[in-house]
Protein backbone atom coordinates (compact mmCIF):
# COMPACT_ATOMS: atom_id res chain seq x y z
CA MET A 1 33.96 -7.25 11.82
CA GLY A 2 32.85 -5.62 8.27
CA LYS A 3 32.48 -2.04 7.60
CA ASN A 4 28.68 -3.13 6.49
CA LYS A 5 28.56 -5.09 10.01
CA LYS A 6 29.89 -2.07 11.83
CA LYS A 7 27.44 0.38 10.09
CA ARG A 8 24.48 -1.99 10.86
CA ARG A 9 25.43 -1.82 14.54
CA VAL A 10 25.59 1.59 14.93
CA LEU A 11 22.43 2.12 13.47
CA VAL A 12 21.14 0.05 15.34
CA ALA A 13 22.59 1.74 18.60
CA LEU A 14 21.34 4.98 17.04
CA SER A 15 17.72 3.70 17.04
CA LEU A 16 17.81 2.94 20.43
CA ILE A 17 18.37 6.28 21.54
CA PRO A 18 15.11 7.97 22.78
CA GLY A 19 14.53 11.02 20.98
CA PHE A 20 16.43 9.59 17.99
CA GLY A 21 13.75 9.38 15.19
CA SER A 22 14.55 8.32 11.38
CA ARG A 23 14.64 12.35 10.48
CA ARG A 24 17.25 13.01 13.03
CA ILE A 25 19.67 9.82 12.45
CA TYR A 26 19.11 10.45 8.35
CA LYS A 27 20.19 14.31 9.28
CA LEU A 28 23.42 12.84 10.80
CA LEU A 29 24.09 10.24 8.47
CA LYS A 30 23.99 12.87 5.35
CA ASN A 31 26.84 14.97 7.62
CA ILE A 32 28.88 12.21 8.46
CA ASP A 33 31.23 10.67 5.86
CA GLU A 34 31.75 7.19 7.83
CA PRO A 35 28.73 6.50 9.94
CA GLU A 36 30.98 3.79 11.79
CA GLU A 37 32.84 6.46 13.58
CA ILE A 38 29.99 8.22 15.06
CA PHE A 39 30.07 7.49 18.33
CA SER A 40 33.79 8.33 18.34
CA LEU A 41 33.11 12.13 17.53
CA GLY A 42 33.79 14.55 19.97
CA LYS A 43 30.95 17.21 21.13
CA ARG A 44 31.86 19.45 19.44
CA LYS A 45 31.70 18.00 16.66
CA LEU A 46 28.19 16.09 16.90
CA ARG A 47 27.04 19.69 18.15
CA SER A 48 28.30 21.00 14.74
CA ILE A 49 25.63 18.78 12.90
CA GLU A 50 22.35 20.57 11.68
CA GLY A 51 19.77 19.02 13.74
CA ILE A 52 22.03 17.91 16.57
CA GLY A 53 21.81 20.07 19.27
CA GLU A 54 23.21 19.49 22.93
CA ALA A 55 21.00 17.22 24.41
CA SER A 56 21.28 14.84 21.42
CA ALA A 57 25.11 15.07 21.57
CA LEU A 58 25.15 14.28 25.06
CA SER A 59 22.71 11.31 24.25
CA ILE A 60 25.23 10.07 21.94
CA LEU A 61 28.24 10.27 23.88
CA ALA A 62 26.33 8.86 27.13
CA PHE A 63 25.46 5.55 24.95
CA ASP A 64 26.90 2.13 26.68
CA SER A 65 24.05 -0.39 25.60
CA TRP A 66 26.29 -2.19 23.37
CA GLU A 67 25.36 -5.44 24.84
CA LYS A 68 21.69 -4.46 23.87
CA VAL A 69 22.43 -3.72 20.24
CA ASP A 70 24.25 -7.33 19.80
CA ALA A 71 21.10 -9.15 21.68
CA LEU A 72 18.81 -7.52 19.06
CA ILE A 73 20.91 -8.09 15.73
CA SER A 74 21.33 -11.66 17.10
CA GLU A 75 17.82 -12.09 18.18
CA THR A 76 17.09 -10.92 14.55
CA GLU A 77 19.17 -13.40 12.45
CA LYS A 78 17.10 -15.86 15.50
CA THR A 79 13.59 -15.17 13.43
CA GLY A 80 14.49 -15.48 10.39
CA SER A 81 14.87 -11.87 9.22
CA GLU A 82 17.43 -9.56 8.70
CA ILE A 83 18.47 -6.11 9.02
CA ILE A 84 18.41 -3.56 5.83
CA THR A 85 20.02 0.17 6.81
CA ILE A 86 19.82 3.29 4.84
CA GLY A 87 23.10 2.94 3.76
CA ASP A 88 22.88 -0.44 2.37
CA PRO A 89 22.21 -1.32 -1.36
CA ASP A 90 18.96 -3.50 -0.99
CA TYR A 91 17.95 -0.02 0.48
CA PRO A 92 14.69 1.05 -2.09
CA PRO A 93 15.73 4.15 -3.82
CA LEU A 94 12.44 5.47 -3.82
CA LEU A 95 11.97 5.26 0.30
CA LYS A 96 14.93 7.06 0.17
CA GLN A 97 13.88 9.93 -1.63
CA ILE A 98 10.83 10.71 1.04
CA TYR A 99 11.32 13.22 3.89
CA ASP A 100 11.58 10.99 6.43
CA PRO A 101 13.02 7.60 5.18
CA PRO A 102 13.48 4.68 8.06
CA ALA A 103 16.89 4.87 9.07
CA LEU A 104 16.81 1.06 9.46
CA PHE A 105 14.27 -1.80 8.74
CA TRP A 106 13.53 -5.57 9.32
CA ILE A 107 12.54 -7.50 6.72
CA LYS A 108 11.90 -11.42 6.04
CA GLY A 109 11.71 -12.19 2.00
CA ASN A 110 13.50 -10.96 -0.66
CA PRO A 111 15.25 -7.52 -0.78
CA GLU A 112 15.03 -6.82 -4.02
CA ALA A 113 11.26 -7.07 -4.31
CA LEU A 114 11.25 -3.76 -2.55
CA SER A 115 12.82 -1.68 -5.40
CA LYS A 116 10.76 -3.10 -8.01
CA PRO A 117 8.53 -0.55 -9.73
CA GLY A 118 4.95 -1.15 -7.91
CA VAL A 119 1.67 0.87 -6.86
CA ALA A 120 0.54 0.74 -3.12
CA VAL A 121 -3.63 -0.91 -3.18
CA VAL A 122 -4.99 0.65 0.39
CA GLY A 123 -8.75 0.71 1.45
CA THR A 124 -10.81 -0.22 4.29
CA ARG A 125 -11.08 -3.41 6.86
CA ASN A 126 -14.81 -3.31 6.09
CA THR A 127 -15.37 -3.93 2.69
CA SER A 128 -18.52 -4.31 0.49
CA ALA A 129 -18.75 -6.64 -2.31
CA TYR A 130 -18.47 -3.45 -5.12
CA GLY A 131 -15.07 -3.04 -2.91
CA ARG A 132 -13.75 -6.55 -3.07
CA ASN A 133 -14.49 -6.81 -6.64
CA MET A 134 -12.77 -3.55 -7.82
CA ALA A 135 -9.85 -4.48 -5.32
CA LYS A 136 -9.68 -8.08 -7.17
CA LYS A 137 -10.21 -6.28 -10.73
CA LEU A 138 -7.63 -3.76 -10.66
CA THR A 139 -4.75 -5.12 -8.78
CA GLY A 140 -4.79 -8.38 -10.88
CA GLU A 141 -4.54 -5.96 -14.02
CA LEU A 142 -1.67 -4.25 -12.38
CA ALA A 143 -0.02 -7.67 -11.54
CA GLU A 144 -0.40 -8.67 -15.10
CA GLN A 145 1.62 -5.42 -15.85
CA GLY A 146 4.51 -6.63 -14.28
CA LEU A 147 3.74 -4.09 -11.12
CA CYS A 148 4.82 -5.22 -7.27
CA ILE A 149 1.81 -4.47 -4.88
CA PHE A 150 2.38 -2.90 -1.91
CA SER A 151 0.04 -2.94 1.22
CA GLY A 152 -0.31 -3.25 4.92
CA LEU A 153 -1.47 -6.86 5.44
CA ALA A 154 -4.68 -5.32 7.09
CA TYR A 155 -7.93 -7.62 6.95
CA GLY A 156 -10.15 -5.87 3.92
CA ILE A 157 -8.56 -4.27 0.79
CA ASP A 158 -5.09 -4.97 1.97
CA SER A 159 -5.10 -8.86 2.07
CA ILE A 160 -7.25 -8.77 -1.35
CA ALA A 161 -4.57 -6.94 -2.73
CA HIS A 162 -2.20 -9.36 -1.43
CA GLN A 163 -3.61 -12.55 -2.48
CA THR A 164 -4.74 -10.90 -5.43
CA ALA A 165 -1.00 -10.30 -6.30
CA LEU A 166 -0.07 -13.73 -5.13
CA GLU A 167 -2.82 -15.01 -7.58
CA HIS A 168 -0.95 -13.85 -10.79
CA ASN A 169 2.35 -14.62 -9.32
CA ALA A 170 3.38 -10.78 -8.70
CA SER A 171 5.95 -9.61 -6.26
CA THR A 172 4.17 -8.08 -3.67
CA VAL A 173 5.20 -6.35 -0.35
CA ALA A 174 3.59 -6.16 3.35
CA VAL A 175 4.74 -3.53 5.41
CA LEU A 176 3.82 -3.99 9.31
CA GLY A 177 2.92 -1.73 12.14
CA SER A 178 4.43 -4.17 15.03
CA GLY A 179 7.67 -6.33 15.33
CA ILE A 180 8.45 -8.77 12.37
CA ASP A 181 8.21 -11.23 15.10
CA ASN A 182 4.73 -10.17 16.55
CA LEU A 183 3.11 -10.02 13.17
CA TYR A 184 -0.50 -8.56 12.91
CA PRO A 185 -3.08 -9.39 12.59
CA LYS A 186 -1.97 -13.07 13.57
CA LYS A 187 -4.49 -14.62 11.27
CA ASN A 188 -2.57 -13.30 8.09
CA ALA A 189 0.23 -15.23 9.03
CA ASP A 190 -0.40 -17.61 6.50
CA LEU A 191 -0.92 -15.18 4.24
CA ALA A 192 2.43 -13.37 5.29
CA ASN A 193 4.30 -16.75 5.01
CA ARG A 194 2.82 -16.98 1.30
CA ILE A 195 4.27 -13.88 0.55
CA VAL A 196 7.72 -14.39 1.78
CA LYS A 197 8.07 -18.06 -0.05
CA SER A 198 6.93 -16.50 -3.37
CA GLY A 199 9.88 -14.02 -3.73
CA GLY A 200 7.81 -11.18 -1.85
CA ALA A 201 8.65 -9.46 1.36
CA VAL A 202 7.34 -8.52 4.81
CA ILE A 203 8.76 -5.63 6.46
CA THR A 204 8.83 -3.26 9.42
CA GLU A 205 10.77 -0.60 10.66
CA PHE A 206 9.16 -1.53 14.16
CA THR A 207 11.83 -3.23 16.43
CA LEU A 208 11.55 -7.02 17.68
CA GLY A 209 8.29 -7.30 20.07
CA THR A 210 7.06 -4.38 19.51
CA ASN A 211 3.45 -4.59 19.65
CA PRO A 212 0.76 -2.98 17.46
CA ASP A 213 -0.19 -0.16 19.20
CA ALA A 214 -2.66 2.38 16.79
CA GLY A 215 -0.38 5.05 16.60
CA ASN A 216 2.07 2.64 14.63
CA PHE A 217 -0.08 2.20 11.83
CA PRO A 218 -0.24 5.69 10.60
CA VAL A 219 3.52 6.06 10.64
CA ARG A 220 4.07 2.77 8.59
CA ASN A 221 2.20 4.17 5.80
CA ARG A 222 4.62 6.29 4.62
CA ILE A 223 6.47 3.44 4.06
CA VAL A 224 3.87 1.81 2.14
CA SER A 225 3.32 5.33 -0.25
CA GLY A 226 6.93 5.62 0.14
CA MET A 227 8.22 2.72 -1.91
CA SER A 228 5.38 3.09 -4.28
CA LEU A 229 5.29 4.84 -8.05
CA GLY A 230 1.36 5.56 -6.90
CA VAL A 231 -1.20 5.05 -4.35
CA LEU A 232 -4.67 3.51 -5.09
CA VAL A 233 -7.24 4.09 -2.54
CA VAL A 234 -9.96 1.59 -3.62
CA GLU A 235 -12.71 1.98 -0.70
CA SER A 236 -12.28 3.88 1.95
CA GLY A 237 -14.43 6.58 4.18
CA ILE A 238 -13.77 10.13 4.96
CA LYS A 239 -11.20 9.17 8.43
CA GLY A 240 -8.89 6.17 8.20
CA GLY A 241 -5.10 4.65 6.99
CA SER A 242 -5.98 4.67 3.60
CA MET A 243 -6.62 8.49 3.44
CA ILE A 244 -3.81 9.05 5.58
CA THR A 245 -1.69 6.92 2.91
CA ALA A 246 -2.88 9.46 -0.07
CA ASP A 247 -1.96 12.28 1.78
CA LEU A 248 1.43 10.98 2.64
CA GLY A 249 1.54 9.75 -1.10
CA LEU A 250 0.62 13.48 -2.30
CA ASP A 251 3.09 15.25 0.08
CA GLN A 252 6.08 12.24 -1.26
CA ASN A 253 4.83 13.61 -4.73
CA ARG A 254 3.46 10.14 -5.99
CA GLU A 255 0.54 9.69 -8.09
CA VAL A 256 -2.72 9.07 -5.98
CA PHE A 257 -5.59 6.98 -7.89
CA ALA A 258 -9.05 6.62 -6.34
CA VAL A 259 -12.00 4.16 -7.76
CA PRO A 260 -14.98 6.51 -7.52
CA HIS A 261 -18.57 4.99 -5.50
CA PRO A 262 -22.15 4.70 -5.79
CA LEU A 263 -23.80 7.85 -3.90
CA GLY A 264 -24.51 6.48 -0.33
CA SER A 265 -22.29 3.95 -0.13
CA PRO A 266 -20.42 4.88 3.41
CA SER A 267 -17.37 3.04 2.90
CA GLY A 268 -16.69 4.90 -0.77
CA THR A 269 -16.99 8.56 0.77
CA GLY A 270 -13.27 9.14 0.95
CA CYS A 271 -12.45 8.14 -2.83
CA ASN A 272 -15.39 10.14 -3.69
CA TYR A 273 -14.01 13.01 -1.71
CA LEU A 274 -10.27 12.62 -2.89
CA ILE A 275 -11.65 13.12 -6.63
CA LYS A 276 -13.97 15.53 -5.91
CA ARG A 277 -11.11 18.14 -4.60
CA GLY A 278 -8.86 17.00 -7.18
CA ALA A 279 -6.70 15.17 -5.09
CA ALA A 280 -6.81 11.77 -6.57
CA LYS A 281 -7.24 10.52 -10.43
CA LEU A 282 -10.56 8.81 -10.93
CA VAL A 283 -9.80 5.53 -11.78
CA GLN A 284 -12.51 3.32 -14.42
CA THR A 285 -9.48 1.11 -15.97
CA VAL A 286 -6.57 -0.27 -15.04
CA ASP A 287 -4.97 2.63 -18.04
CA ASP A 288 -6.03 5.54 -16.21
CA ILE A 289 -3.77 4.32 -13.89
CA MET A 290 -1.08 2.95 -16.05
CA GLU A 291 -1.07 6.07 -17.91
CA GLU A 292 0.14 8.23 -15.16
CA LEU A 293 3.28 5.71 -14.08
CA PRO A 294 6.63 6.34 -15.51
CA VAL A 295 6.66 2.19 -17.01
CA GLU A 296 5.80 0.80 -20.22
CA HIS A 297 2.50 -1.11 -20.42
CA SER A 298 0.32 -2.72 -22.54
CA SER A 299 -3.14 -0.62 -23.45
CA GLY A 300 -6.50 -2.45 -22.47
CA ALA A 301 -7.27 -1.19 -26.11
CA GLU A 302 -5.22 -4.22 -27.31
CA ILE A 303 -7.38 -6.54 -25.49
CA SER A 304 -9.97 -8.21 -27.27
CA GLN A 305 -13.69 -7.80 -26.50
CA GLU A 306 -14.44 -11.45 -25.78
CA GLU A 307 -11.34 -10.96 -23.06
CA LYS A 308 -12.90 -7.87 -21.48
CA LYS A 309 -16.33 -9.34 -20.76
CA VAL A 310 -17.52 -9.91 -17.41
CA ASN A 311 -19.54 -12.68 -16.15
CA TRP A 312 -22.29 -11.17 -13.75
CA ARG A 313 -22.81 -14.55 -12.21
CA ASP A 314 -19.11 -14.93 -11.07
CA LYS A 315 -19.52 -11.36 -9.07
CA GLU A 316 -21.09 -10.89 -5.62
CA LEU A 317 -24.16 -9.01 -6.54
CA ASP A 318 -27.57 -7.73 -4.43
CA GLU A 319 -30.66 -8.87 -5.54
CA THR A 320 -31.43 -5.80 -7.30
CA ALA A 321 -28.28 -6.41 -9.34
CA ILE A 322 -29.38 -9.96 -10.35
CA LYS A 323 -32.72 -8.72 -11.47
CA ILE A 324 -31.26 -6.45 -13.96
CA CYS A 325 -28.71 -8.59 -15.22
CA GLU A 326 -31.28 -11.26 -15.96
CA ALA A 327 -33.26 -8.98 -17.79
CA LEU A 328 -30.54 -7.78 -19.55
CA GLU A 329 -29.41 -11.00 -20.34
CA LYS A 330 -32.31 -11.42 -22.61
CA GLU A 331 -32.57 -7.92 -24.30
CA SER A 332 -31.36 -4.66 -24.22
CA PHE A 333 -33.69 -1.87 -22.06
CA GLN A 334 -34.30 1.63 -21.85
CA VAL A 335 -34.46 2.20 -18.04
CA ASP A 336 -38.26 3.04 -18.18
CA ASP A 337 -39.01 0.06 -19.69
CA LEU A 338 -36.69 -2.01 -17.04
CA SER A 339 -38.12 -0.65 -14.31
CA ASP A 340 -41.66 -1.98 -15.35
CA ALA A 341 -40.13 -5.30 -16.60
CA ILE A 342 -38.49 -5.85 -13.35
CA GLY A 343 -41.10 -3.78 -10.89
CA ILE A 344 -38.11 -1.67 -9.59
CA SER A 345 -38.06 2.08 -9.24
CA THR A 346 -36.40 4.20 -12.06
CA SER A 347 -34.58 5.65 -9.43
CA ARG A 348 -33.21 2.59 -7.65
CA LEU A 349 -32.65 1.16 -10.61
CA LEU A 350 -30.07 3.82 -11.90
CA VAL A 351 -28.02 3.08 -8.59
CA SER A 352 -27.60 -0.09 -9.09
CA LEU A 353 -27.16 0.49 -13.38
CA LEU A 354 -24.00 2.67 -12.36
CA GLN A 355 -22.43 0.48 -9.84
CA LEU A 356 -22.68 -2.35 -12.48
CA GLU A 357 -21.49 -0.35 -15.12
CA MET A 358 -18.33 0.91 -13.24
CA ASP A 359 -18.11 -3.32 -12.33
CA GLY A 360 -17.53 -3.16 -16.06
CA ILE A 361 -20.92 -5.64 -16.73
CA VAL A 362 -23.25 -3.04 -18.12
CA LEU A 363 -22.90 -0.72 -20.79
CA GLN A 364 -24.96 2.51 -21.18
CA LYS A 365 -25.85 4.13 -24.74
CA ALA A 366 -28.01 7.26 -25.64
CA GLY A 367 -31.21 7.44 -24.05
CA LYS A 368 -30.54 5.77 -21.10
CA ASN A 369 -30.46 2.44 -22.91
CA PHE A 370 -28.54 -0.40 -21.00
CA GLU A 371 -27.08 -3.75 -22.49
CA LEU A 372 -24.80 -6.21 -20.83
CA LEU A 373 -21.49 -5.94 -21.67
């Protein structure tokens, strides 16, 4: 058996020992020159390693489930996936830098995608039209910059991020909160297959057969942010997985970005909160993201005005926004005059105009004069 296969076998065995989390395995590996010899060490040597006490040493010495290890490796091959360990060259270097990198994970697809420079794009499952539009717009522009898109394959913003990356022929990586053979949500199985076929990857640190339990998702989020140069929160309430991913990104010293939302938008309160407390940079254009990342990019200033124009008819707009656009299509208006022209109160107009402005559809000039871009 080759050295790499022996090392993989040892790490799979360690992952099966109760109480041996990623952090403890990582500490063990850092203090052992030859990982494949771990199960040959004596109790005194094991206890001398930081983080390995009496109980942990005895657990290693008592381990005898090698048939289970070999069966798991064999079943992995049957699923068309493989196991990557923290000692493998395909293990993403950025992920190795976090506090508790997974000792191993299962992967379907292209391992090279994991180490490509990229951004995590995350958000709520219950999206608004504004959130969906911003997810498509910003993900598409990040993809055009050659960045990989990392996300969690969930409904809503995650799915939009993966789909948009595929539409722009960019790499994308989905991180699961379940076993690689128990994909969740199952309705995204086709999306997962397209990710793999396109040269991207689907990965998980959870062993075969693991169910998508609620507690798995906050754990997997550290991998989404850990592989990324930055985390973009497109749409989120105050609580939820996206806010956890943002906090994890901050802990991992990653750049965090958030899309601002109109006041009164419940699905955007988390984004506004991150911006308000200085935890995330406000994003109006893709350049707001790119200028913070250690990668070369083409400035939006180089794009012609014609290319920057957004056709409002292609957007999912509410009735008020449609009335505004139809009026501004004929001529520019001062907000009070626009209110009289379409019979909508100024206060309601300003809220809609703000959202249209953030969507890149409307431009505000001095004196609250508005025109279509």
